[in-house]
Amino acid sequence: MNQHLVAREFEELLTMYGLSNHVTFPTHTSGSSLDPVTTDLPDGIITCRPLGMVGSSDHSAVLTTINTAADNDEATTRMNWLWSRGDWDGLRNKLDSTEWTELLQASSSPSSSAGTWRV
C-alpha cells in the first residue's frame, strides 16, 4: 500500500467534509501519525500533544484539550424595579376615581390623555 497515496486521500476526505486533523506529530514508533483527532473546530480551540507510549504498545497516547471557555458578554445596565415599594393603594385609588367613559370618549389621541396618569 502506497502510504503517500493513503495520506493524500485522507487529507482529501477531511477537506471534503470540512474537518481538520489536529495531530501534527508522529503517534507510532514507525514515525507515522496513525492516531488522528479529527474535528470541525478551529485550530485555536483544540490542541493535541503526545503523552508517550502506553505500556507495551507501539502507539503514543494523545492528550486532546478543547478550550470551552465562553466569550463574556459586556456588562449592561438595567432597571431593577422594586415592586414591593410600589404605592399600590395610591394606584388603586387613582384607577377607581378615574372617569373612564369621559376620558376615553373625549380624548382623540393616547398622548393627549397621558397627562392624566402623570404623578
C-alpha atoms as a PDB file:
ATOM      1  CA  MET A   1       0.000   0.000   0.000  1.00  0.00           C
ATOM      2  CA  ASN A   2       1.378   3.412  -1.007  1.00  0.00           C
ATOM      3  CA  GLN A   3       1.481   5.492   2.222  1.00  0.00           C
ATOM      4  CA  HIS A   4       1.679   8.787   0.319  1.00  0.00           C
ATOM      5  CA  LEU A   5      -1.470   7.926  -1.633  1.00  0.00           C
ATOM      6  CA  VAL A   6      -3.279   6.930   1.576  1.00  0.00           C
ATOM      7  CA  ALA A   7      -2.210  10.172   3.285  1.00  0.00           C
ATOM      8  CA  ARG A   8      -3.366  12.265   0.319  1.00  0.00           C
ATOM      9  CA  GLU A   9      -6.749  10.511   0.180  1.00  0.00           C
ATOM     10  CA  PHE A  10      -7.137  11.004   3.934  1.00  0.00           C
ATOM     11  CA  GLU A  11      -6.464  14.750   3.541  1.00  0.00           C
ATOM     12  CA  GLU A  12      -8.944  14.943   0.645  1.00  0.00           C
ATOM     13  CA  LEU A  13     -11.578  13.197   2.769  1.00  0.00           C
ATOM     14  CA  LEU A  14     -11.057  15.690   5.595  1.00  0.00           C
ATOM     15  CA  THR A  15     -11.260  18.605   3.160  1.00  0.00           C
ATOM     16  CA  MET A  16     -14.451  17.241   1.596  1.00  0.00           C
ATOM     17  CA  TYR A  17     -16.210  17.201   4.984  1.00  0.00           C
ATOM     18  CA  GLY A  18     -14.657  20.399   6.364  1.00  0.00           C
ATOM     19  CA  LEU A  19     -12.620  18.590   9.018  1.00  0.00           C
ATOM     20  CA  SER A  20      -9.092  19.027  10.346  1.00  0.00           C
ATOM     21  CA  ASN A  21      -6.653  16.533  11.829  1.00  0.00           C
ATOM     22  CA  HIS A  22      -5.214  18.185  14.922  1.00  0.00           C
ATOM     23  CA  VAL A  23      -2.459  15.596  15.484  1.00  0.00           C
ATOM     24  CA  THR A  24       0.668  17.065  13.878  1.00  0.00           C
ATOM     25  CA  PHE A  25       3.241  14.704  15.405  1.00  0.00           C
ATOM     26  CA  PRO A  26       4.097  11.011  14.989  1.00  0.00           C
ATOM     27  CA  THR A  27       1.996   8.703  17.153  1.00  0.00           C
ATOM     28  CA  HIS A  28       3.590   5.411  16.120  1.00  0.00           C
ATOM     29  CA  THR A  29       7.099   4.070  16.607  1.00  0.00           C
ATOM     30  CA  SER A  30       7.471   3.921  12.810  1.00  0.00           C
ATOM     31  CA  GLY A  31       7.300   7.719  12.716  1.00  0.00           C
ATOM     32  CA  SER A  32       3.802   7.811  11.227  1.00  0.00           C
ATOM     33  CA  SER A  33       0.782   9.588  12.609  1.00  0.00           C
ATOM     34  CA  LEU A  34      -1.701   6.735  12.907  1.00  0.00           C
ATOM     35  CA  ASP A  35      -3.959   8.209  15.582  1.00  0.00           C
ATOM     36  CA  PRO A  36      -5.816  11.216  14.163  1.00  0.00           C
ATOM     37  CA  VAL A  37      -8.065  13.559  16.108  1.00  0.00           C
ATOM     38  CA  THR A  38     -10.461  14.968  13.522  1.00  0.00           C
ATOM     39  CA  THR A  39     -12.944  17.755  14.218  1.00  0.00           C
ATOM     40  CA  ASP A  40     -14.589  20.726  12.573  1.00  0.00           C
ATOM     41  CA  LEU A  41     -13.221  23.011  15.316  1.00  0.00           C
ATOM     42  CA  PRO A  42     -10.653  25.727  14.524  1.00  0.00           C
ATOM     43  CA  ASP A  43      -7.016  25.127  15.475  1.00  0.00           C
ATOM     44  CA  GLY A  44      -7.071  27.730  18.263  1.00  0.00           C
ATOM     45  CA  ILE A  45      -9.791  25.852  20.161  1.00  0.00           C
ATOM     46  CA  ILE A  46      -8.340  22.342  20.125  1.00  0.00           C
ATOM     47  CA  THR A  47      -4.782  21.246  20.884  1.00  0.00           C
ATOM     48  CA  CYS A  48      -3.189  17.811  20.869  1.00  0.00           C
ATOM     49  CA  ARG A  49       0.084  16.724  22.421  1.00  0.00           C
ATOM     50  CA  PRO A  50       1.817  13.369  22.799  1.00  0.00           C
ATOM     51  CA  LEU A  51       1.929  11.683  26.200  1.00  0.00           C
ATOM     52  CA  GLY A  52       4.376   8.938  25.270  1.00  0.00           C
ATOM     53  CA  MET A  53       3.998   5.229  24.677  1.00  0.00           C
ATOM     54  CA  VAL A  54       1.351   3.399  26.660  1.00  0.00           C
ATOM     55  CA  GLY A  55       2.550   0.161  28.235  1.00  0.00           C
ATOM     56  CA  SER A  56       3.955  -2.194  25.615  1.00  0.00           C
ATOM     57  CA  SER A  57       2.013  -0.515  22.786  1.00  0.00           C
ATOM     58  CA  ASP A  58       3.809   0.925  19.793  1.00  0.00           C
ATOM     59  CA  HIS A  59       1.377   3.879  19.794  1.00  0.00           C
ATOM     60  CA  SER A  60       1.723   7.113  21.716  1.00  0.00           C
ATOM     61  CA  ALA A  61      -1.205   8.351  23.771  1.00  0.00           C
ATOM     62  CA  VAL A  62      -2.617  11.668  22.558  1.00  0.00           C
ATOM     63  CA  LEU A  63      -3.899  14.246  25.028  1.00  0.00           C
ATOM     64  CA  THR A  64      -6.546  16.410  23.395  1.00  0.00           C
ATOM     65  CA  THR A  65      -7.648  19.640  25.042  1.00  0.00           C
ATOM     66  CA  ILE A  66     -10.698  21.584  23.900  1.00  0.00           C
ATOM     67  CA  ASN A  67     -10.992  25.188  25.034  1.00  0.00           C
ATOM     68  CA  THR A  68     -14.639  25.567  26.013  1.00  0.00           C
ATOM     69  CA  ALA A  69     -14.364  28.995  27.631  1.00  0.00           C
ATOM     70  CA  ALA A  70     -17.370  31.052  26.637  1.00  0.00           C
ATOM     71  CA  ASP A  71     -16.971  34.615  25.476  1.00  0.00           C
ATOM     72  CA  ASN A  72     -18.028  37.025  28.179  1.00  0.00           C
ATOM     73  CA  ASP A  73     -20.757  39.436  27.220  1.00  0.00           C
ATOM     74  CA  GLU A  74     -20.265  43.083  28.014  1.00  0.00           C
ATOM     75  CA  ALA A  75     -21.920  44.245  31.207  1.00  0.00           C
ATOM     76  CA  THR A  76     -25.190  46.055  30.677  1.00  0.00           C
ATOM     77  CA  THR A  77     -27.093  48.377  32.964  1.00  0.00           C
ATOM     78  CA  ARG A  78     -30.703  47.542  33.620  1.00  0.00           C
ATOM     79  CA  MET A  79     -33.522  48.936  35.704  1.00  0.00           C
ATOM     80  CA  ASN A  80     -34.321  46.798  38.728  1.00  0.00           C
ATOM     81  CA  TRP A  81     -37.887  47.576  39.721  1.00  0.00           C
ATOM     82  CA  LEU A  82     -38.639  47.340  43.444  1.00  0.00           C
ATOM     83  CA  TRP A  83     -42.247  46.220  43.183  1.00  0.00           C
ATOM     84  CA  SER A  84     -42.560  45.793  46.944  1.00  0.00           C
ATOM     85  CA  ARG A  85     -42.096  49.569  47.364  1.00  0.00           C
ATOM     86  CA  GLY A  86     -44.871  50.495  44.942  1.00  0.00           C
ATOM     87  CA  ASP A  87     -47.777  52.686  46.057  1.00  0.00           C
ATOM     88  CA  TRP A  88     -50.407  50.060  45.263  1.00  0.00           C
ATOM     89  CA  ASP A  89     -53.144  51.741  47.320  1.00  0.00           C
ATOM     90  CA  GLY A  90     -52.493  55.035  45.508  1.00  0.00           C
ATOM     91  CA  LEU A  91     -52.678  53.278  42.131  1.00  0.00           C
ATOM     92  CA  ARG A  92     -55.888  51.503  43.111  1.00  0.00           C
ATOM     93  CA  ASN A  93     -57.442  54.826  44.268  1.00  0.00           C
ATOM     94  CA  LYS A  94     -56.393  56.561  41.032  1.00  0.00           C
ATOM     95  CA  LEU A  95     -57.925  53.784  38.920  1.00  0.00           C
ATOM     96  CA  ASP A  96     -61.142  53.805  40.980  1.00  0.00           C
ATOM     97  CA  SER A  97     -61.549  57.590  40.792  1.00  0.00           C
ATOM     98  CA  THR A  98     -60.947  57.862  37.042  1.00  0.00           C
ATOM     99  CA  GLU A  99     -63.979  58.744  34.900  1.00  0.00           C
ATOM    100  CA  TRP A 100     -63.189  56.165  32.222  1.00  0.00           C
ATOM    101  CA  THR A 101     -66.098  56.894  29.885  1.00  0.00           C
ATOM    102  CA  GLU A 102     -65.404  60.613  29.836  1.00  0.00           C
ATOM    103  CA  LEU A 103     -61.661  60.094  29.455  1.00  0.00           C
ATOM    104  CA  LEU A 104     -61.878  57.584  26.613  1.00  0.00           C
ATOM    105  CA  GLN A 105     -64.587  59.382  24.621  1.00  0.00           C
ATOM    106  CA  ALA A 106     -63.181  62.897  24.991  1.00  0.00           C
ATOM    107  CA  SER A 107     -59.621  62.057  24.072  1.00  0.00           C
ATOM    108  CA  SER A 108     -58.714  61.986  20.399  1.00  0.00           C
ATOM    109  CA  SER A 109     -55.209  60.589  20.911  1.00  0.00           C
ATOM    110  CA  PRO A 110     -53.412  58.493  23.521  1.00  0.00           C
ATOM    111  CA  SER A 111     -50.768  61.173  24.024  1.00  0.00           C
ATOM    112  CA  SER A 112     -53.362  63.791  24.988  1.00  0.00           C
ATOM    113  CA  SER A 113     -54.731  61.582  27.787  1.00  0.00           C
ATOM    114  CA  ALA A 114     -51.277  60.557  29.024  1.00  0.00           C
ATOM    115  CA  GLY A 115     -51.121  63.628  31.264  1.00  0.00           C
ATOM    116  CA  THR A 116     -53.940  62.177  33.341  1.00  0.00           C
ATOM    117  CA  TRP A 117     -51.620  59.417  34.530  1.00  0.00           C
ATOM    118  CA  ARG A 118     -48.617  61.527  35.418  1.00  0.00           C
ATOM    119  CA  VAL A 119     -47.927  61.634  39.111  1.00  0.00           C
END
